[in-house]
Amino acid sequence: MTEEESPKSMGMRLVKGIVAQMGGEYEFRNEDGLVFDAKVALSVAARTV
């Protein structure tokens, strides 16, 4: 999902907000079905935000 494609559902808005709060990133892609990949820091020291 690109920045221009704003999430329309409540679930997608929640995912985007939570991942952003944690200083992470996410992506959706199609690999014979939907794949959701989120990367977040597991410690406060590793966060970039």
PDB file of N, CA and C in Angstrom:
ATOM      1  N   MET A   1       0.857  -1.178   0.000  1.00  0.00           N
ATOM      2  CA  MET A   1       0.000   0.000   0.000  1.00  0.00           C
ATOM      3  C   MET A   1       0.892   1.226   0.000  1.00  0.00           C
ATOM      4  N   THR A   2       0.656   2.074  -0.949  1.00  0.00           N
ATOM      5  CA  THR A   2       1.467   3.290  -1.039  1.00  0.00           C
ATOM      6  C   THR A   2       0.861   4.377  -0.162  1.00  0.00           C
ATOM      7  N   GLU A   3       1.612   5.420   0.057  1.00  0.00           N
ATOM      8  CA  GLU A   3       1.149   6.520   0.904  1.00  0.00           C
ATOM      9  C   GLU A   3      -0.086   7.192   0.307  1.00  0.00           C
ATOM     10  N   GLU A   4      -0.197   7.167  -1.036  1.00  0.00           N
ATOM     11  CA  GLU A   4      -1.351   7.781  -1.685  1.00  0.00           C
ATOM     12  C   GLU A   4      -2.633   6.992  -1.452  1.00  0.00           C
ATOM     13  N   GLU A   5      -2.511   5.690  -1.200  1.00  0.00           N
ATOM     14  CA  GLU A   5      -3.674   4.838  -0.984  1.00  0.00           C
ATOM     15  C   GLU A   5      -4.023   4.863   0.499  1.00  0.00           C
ATOM     16  N   SER A   6      -4.924   5.719   0.878  1.00  0.00           N
ATOM     17  CA  SER A   6      -5.280   5.818   2.285  1.00  0.00           C
ATOM     18  C   SER A   6      -6.178   4.645   2.669  1.00  0.00           C
ATOM     19  N   PRO A   7      -5.937   4.072   3.844  1.00  0.00           N
ATOM     20  CA  PRO A   7      -6.766   2.950   4.285  1.00  0.00           C
ATOM     21  C   PRO A   7      -8.207   3.400   4.513  1.00  0.00           C
ATOM     22  N   LYS A   8      -9.141   2.584   4.084  1.00  0.00           N
ATOM     23  CA  LYS A   8     -10.548   2.955   4.174  1.00  0.00           C
ATOM     24  C   LYS A   8     -11.243   2.281   5.352  1.00  0.00           C
ATOM     25  N   SER A   9     -10.819   1.095   5.727  1.00  0.00           N
ATOM     26  CA  SER A   9     -11.491   0.379   6.802  1.00  0.00           C
ATOM     27  C   SER A   9     -10.903   0.767   8.164  1.00  0.00           C
ATOM     28  N   MET A  10     -11.693   0.574   9.210  1.00  0.00           N
ATOM     29  CA  MET A  10     -11.227   0.868  10.570  1.00  0.00           C
ATOM     30  C   MET A  10     -10.017   0.005  10.912  1.00  0.00           C
ATOM     31  N   GLY A  11     -10.039  -1.247  10.523  1.00  0.00           N
ATOM     32  CA  GLY A  11      -8.916  -2.143  10.817  1.00  0.00           C
ATOM     33  C   GLY A  11      -7.620  -1.668  10.188  1.00  0.00           C
ATOM     34  N   MET A  12      -7.695  -1.225   8.937  1.00  0.00           N
ATOM     35  CA  MET A  12      -6.501  -0.748   8.255  1.00  0.00           C
ATOM     36  C   MET A  12      -5.987   0.538   8.890  1.00  0.00           C
ATOM     37  N   ARG A  13      -6.892   1.404   9.312  1.00  0.00           N
ATOM     38  CA  ARG A  13      -6.465   2.638   9.987  1.00  0.00           C
ATOM     39  C   ARG A  13      -5.794   2.306  11.313  1.00  0.00           C
ATOM     40  N   LEU A  14      -6.321   1.327  12.034  1.00  0.00           N
ATOM     41  CA  LEU A  14      -5.708   0.906  13.300  1.00  0.00           C
ATOM     42  C   LEU A  14      -4.310   0.345  13.072  1.00  0.00           C
ATOM     43  N   VAL A  15      -4.170  -0.530  12.089  1.00  0.00           N
ATOM     44  CA  VAL A  15      -2.857  -1.117  11.788  1.00  0.00           C
ATOM     45  C   VAL A  15      -1.860  -0.021  11.452  1.00  0.00           C
ATOM     46  N   LYS A  16      -2.251   0.890  10.571  1.00  0.00           N
ATOM     47  CA  LYS A  16      -1.351   1.973  10.170  1.00  0.00           C
ATOM     48  C   LYS A  16      -0.945   2.818  11.377  1.00  0.00           C
ATOM     49  N   GLY A  17      -1.913   3.156  12.235  1.00  0.00           N
ATOM     50  CA  GLY A  17      -1.627   3.971  13.407  1.00  0.00           C
ATOM     51  C   GLY A  17      -0.747   3.281  14.430  1.00  0.00           C
ATOM     52  N   ILE A  18      -1.025   2.025  14.714  1.00  0.00           N
ATOM     53  CA  ILE A  18      -0.238   1.282  15.715  1.00  0.00           C
ATOM     54  C   ILE A  18       1.189   1.076  15.241  1.00  0.00           C
ATOM     55  N   VAL A  19       1.352   0.671  13.989  1.00  0.00           N
ATOM     56  CA  VAL A  19       2.702   0.468  13.458  1.00  0.00           C
ATOM     57  C   VAL A  19       3.464   1.794  13.447  1.00  0.00           C
ATOM     58  N   ALA A  20       2.808   2.887  13.083  1.00  0.00           N
ATOM     59  CA  ALA A  20       3.458   4.202  13.086  1.00  0.00           C
ATOM     60  C   ALA A  20       3.865   4.605  14.501  1.00  0.00           C
ATOM     61  N   GLN A  21       2.999   4.373  15.485  1.00  0.00           N
ATOM     62  CA  GLN A  21       3.326   4.710  16.883  1.00  0.00           C
ATOM     63  C   GLN A  21       4.542   3.950  17.365  1.00  0.00           C
ATOM     64  N   MET A  22       4.730   2.749  16.859  1.00  0.00           N
ATOM     65  CA  MET A  22       5.861   1.916  17.276  1.00  0.00           C
ATOM     66  C   MET A  22       7.105   2.178  16.432  1.00  0.00           C
ATOM     67  N   GLY A  23       7.033   3.164  15.533  1.00  0.00           N
ATOM     68  CA  GLY A  23       8.182   3.502  14.707  1.00  0.00           C
ATOM     69  C   GLY A  23       8.500   2.444  13.665  1.00  0.00           C
ATOM     70  N   GLY A  24       7.490   1.694  13.262  1.00  0.00           N
ATOM     71  CA  GLY A  24       7.716   0.607  12.317  1.00  0.00           C
ATOM     72  C   GLY A  24       7.250   0.929  10.922  1.00  0.00           C
ATOM     73  N   GLU A  25       7.219  -0.101  10.117  1.00  0.00           N
ATOM     74  CA  GLU A  25       6.744   0.025   8.747  1.00  0.00           C
ATOM     75  C   GLU A  25       5.961  -1.236   8.397  1.00  0.00           C
ATOM     76  N   TYR A  26       5.114  -1.124   7.393  1.00  0.00           N
ATOM     77  CA  TYR A  26       4.318  -2.272   6.977  1.00  0.00           C
ATOM     78  C   TYR A  26       4.138  -2.272   5.476  1.00  0.00           C
ATOM     79  N   GLU A  27       3.782  -3.421   4.952  1.00  0.00           N
ATOM     80  CA  GLU A  27       3.462  -3.521   3.537  1.00  0.00           C
ATOM     81  C   GLU A  27       2.473  -4.663   3.326  1.00  0.00           C
ATOM     82  N   PHE A  28       1.693  -4.515   2.283  1.00  0.00           N
ATOM     83  CA  PHE A  28       0.790  -5.550   1.839  1.00  0.00           C
ATOM     84  C   PHE A  28       1.229  -5.948   0.443  1.00  0.00           C
ATOM     85  N   ARG A  29       1.142  -7.232   0.144  1.00  0.00           N
ATOM     86  CA  ARG A  29       1.463  -7.679  -1.200  1.00  0.00           C
ATOM     87  C   ARG A  29       0.660  -8.935  -1.514  1.00  0.00           C
ATOM     88  N   ASN A  30       0.622  -9.282  -2.777  1.00  0.00           N
ATOM     89  CA  ASN A  30      -0.117 -10.445  -3.218  1.00  0.00           C
ATOM     90  C   ASN A  30       0.857 -11.543  -3.620  1.00  0.00           C
ATOM     91  N   GLU A  31       0.842 -12.627  -2.884  1.00  0.00           N
ATOM     92  CA  GLU A  31       1.634 -13.813  -3.203  1.00  0.00           C
ATOM     93  C   GLU A  31       0.686 -15.000  -3.148  1.00  0.00           C
ATOM     94  N   ASP A  32      -0.138 -15.145  -4.179  1.00  0.00           N
ATOM     95  CA  ASP A  32      -1.205 -16.154  -4.189  1.00  0.00           C
ATOM     96  C   ASP A  32      -2.133 -15.964  -2.998  1.00  0.00           C
ATOM     97  N   GLY A  33      -2.390 -14.726  -2.654  1.00  0.00           N
ATOM     98  CA  GLY A  33      -3.211 -14.329  -1.519  1.00  0.00           C
ATOM     99  C   GLY A  33      -2.558 -13.139  -0.844  1.00  0.00           C
ATOM    100  N   LEU A  34      -3.279 -12.511   0.047  1.00  0.00           N
ATOM    101  CA  LEU A  34      -2.780 -11.317   0.716  1.00  0.00           C
ATOM    102  C   LEU A  34      -1.707 -11.674   1.741  1.00  0.00           C
ATOM    103  N   VAL A  35      -0.612 -10.936   1.704  1.00  0.00           N
ATOM    104  CA  VAL A  35       0.463 -11.075   2.690  1.00  0.00           C
ATOM    105  C   VAL A  35       0.634  -9.721   3.360  1.00  0.00           C
ATOM    106  N   PHE A  36       0.610  -9.705   4.677  1.00  0.00           N
ATOM    107  CA  PHE A  36       0.818  -8.493   5.460  1.00  0.00           C
ATOM    108  C   PHE A  36       2.130  -8.661   6.204  1.00  0.00           C
ATOM    109  N   ASP A  37       3.018  -7.709   6.055  1.00  0.00           N
ATOM    110  CA  ASP A  37       4.333  -7.765   6.679  1.00  0.00           C
ATOM    111  C   ASP A  37       4.534  -6.487   7.478  1.00  0.00           C
ATOM    112  N   ALA A  38       4.726  -6.608   8.792  1.00  0.00           N
ATOM    113  CA  ALA A  38       4.970  -5.441   9.648  1.00  0.00           C
ATOM    114  C   ALA A  38       6.301  -5.633  10.357  1.00  0.00           C
ATOM    115  N   LYS A  39       7.072  -4.565  10.410  1.00  0.00           N
ATOM    116  CA  LYS A  39       8.355  -4.584  11.117  1.00  0.00           C
ATOM    117  C   LYS A  39       8.310  -3.512  12.187  1.00  0.00           C
ATOM    118  N   VAL A  40       8.459  -3.921  13.442  1.00  0.00           N
ATOM    119  CA  VAL A  40       8.460  -2.983  14.565  1.00  0.00           C
ATOM    120  C   VAL A  40       9.609  -3.332  15.502  1.00  0.00           C
ATOM    121  N   ALA A  41      10.102  -2.332  16.214  1.00  0.00           N
ATOM    122  CA  ALA A  41      11.182  -2.536  17.183  1.00  0.00           C
ATOM    123  C   ALA A  41      10.628  -3.242  18.416  1.00  0.00           C
ATOM    124  N   LEU A  42      11.394  -4.161  18.955  1.00  0.00           N
ATOM    125  CA  LEU A  42      10.978  -4.875  20.158  1.00  0.00           C
ATOM    126  C   LEU A  42      11.498  -4.217  21.427  1.00  0.00           C
ATOM    127  N   SER A  43      12.305  -3.177  21.289  1.00  0.00           N
ATOM    128  CA  SER A  43      12.770  -2.449  22.464  1.00  0.00           C
ATOM    129  C   SER A  43      12.683  -0.949  22.179  1.00  0.00           C
ATOM    130  N   VAL A  44      12.545  -0.174  23.237  1.00  0.00           N
ATOM    131  CA  VAL A  44      12.441   1.278  23.082  1.00  0.00           C
ATOM    132  C   VAL A  44      13.720   1.837  22.466  1.00  0.00           C
ATOM    133  N   ALA A  45      14.858   1.306  22.836  1.00  0.00           N
ATOM    134  CA  ALA A  45      16.140   1.823  22.326  1.00  0.00           C
ATOM    135  C   ALA A  45      16.274   1.632  20.820  1.00  0.00           C
ATOM    136  N   ALA A  46      15.600   0.639  20.253  1.00  0.00           N
ATOM    137  CA  ALA A  46      15.719   0.348  18.823  1.00  0.00           C
ATOM    138  C   ALA A  46      14.756   1.168  17.981  1.00  0.00           C
ATOM    139  N   ARG A  47      13.815   1.853  18.584  1.00  0.00           N
ATOM    140  CA  ARG A  47      12.827   2.650  17.837  1.00  0.00           C
ATOM    141  C   ARG A  47      13.481   3.850  17.178  1.00  0.00           C
ATOM    142  N   THR A  48      12.930   4.235  16.013  1.00  0.00           N
ATOM    143  CA  THR A  48      13.485   5.368  15.286  1.00  0.00           C
ATOM    144  C   THR A  48      12.679   6.634  15.515  1.00  0.00           C
ATOM    145  N   VAL A  49      11.520   6.528  16.148  1.00  0.00           N
ATOM    146  CA  VAL A  49      10.654   7.697  16.373  1.00  0.00           C
ATOM    147  C   VAL A  49      10.687   8.074  17.831  1.00  0.00           C
TER     148      VAL A  49
END
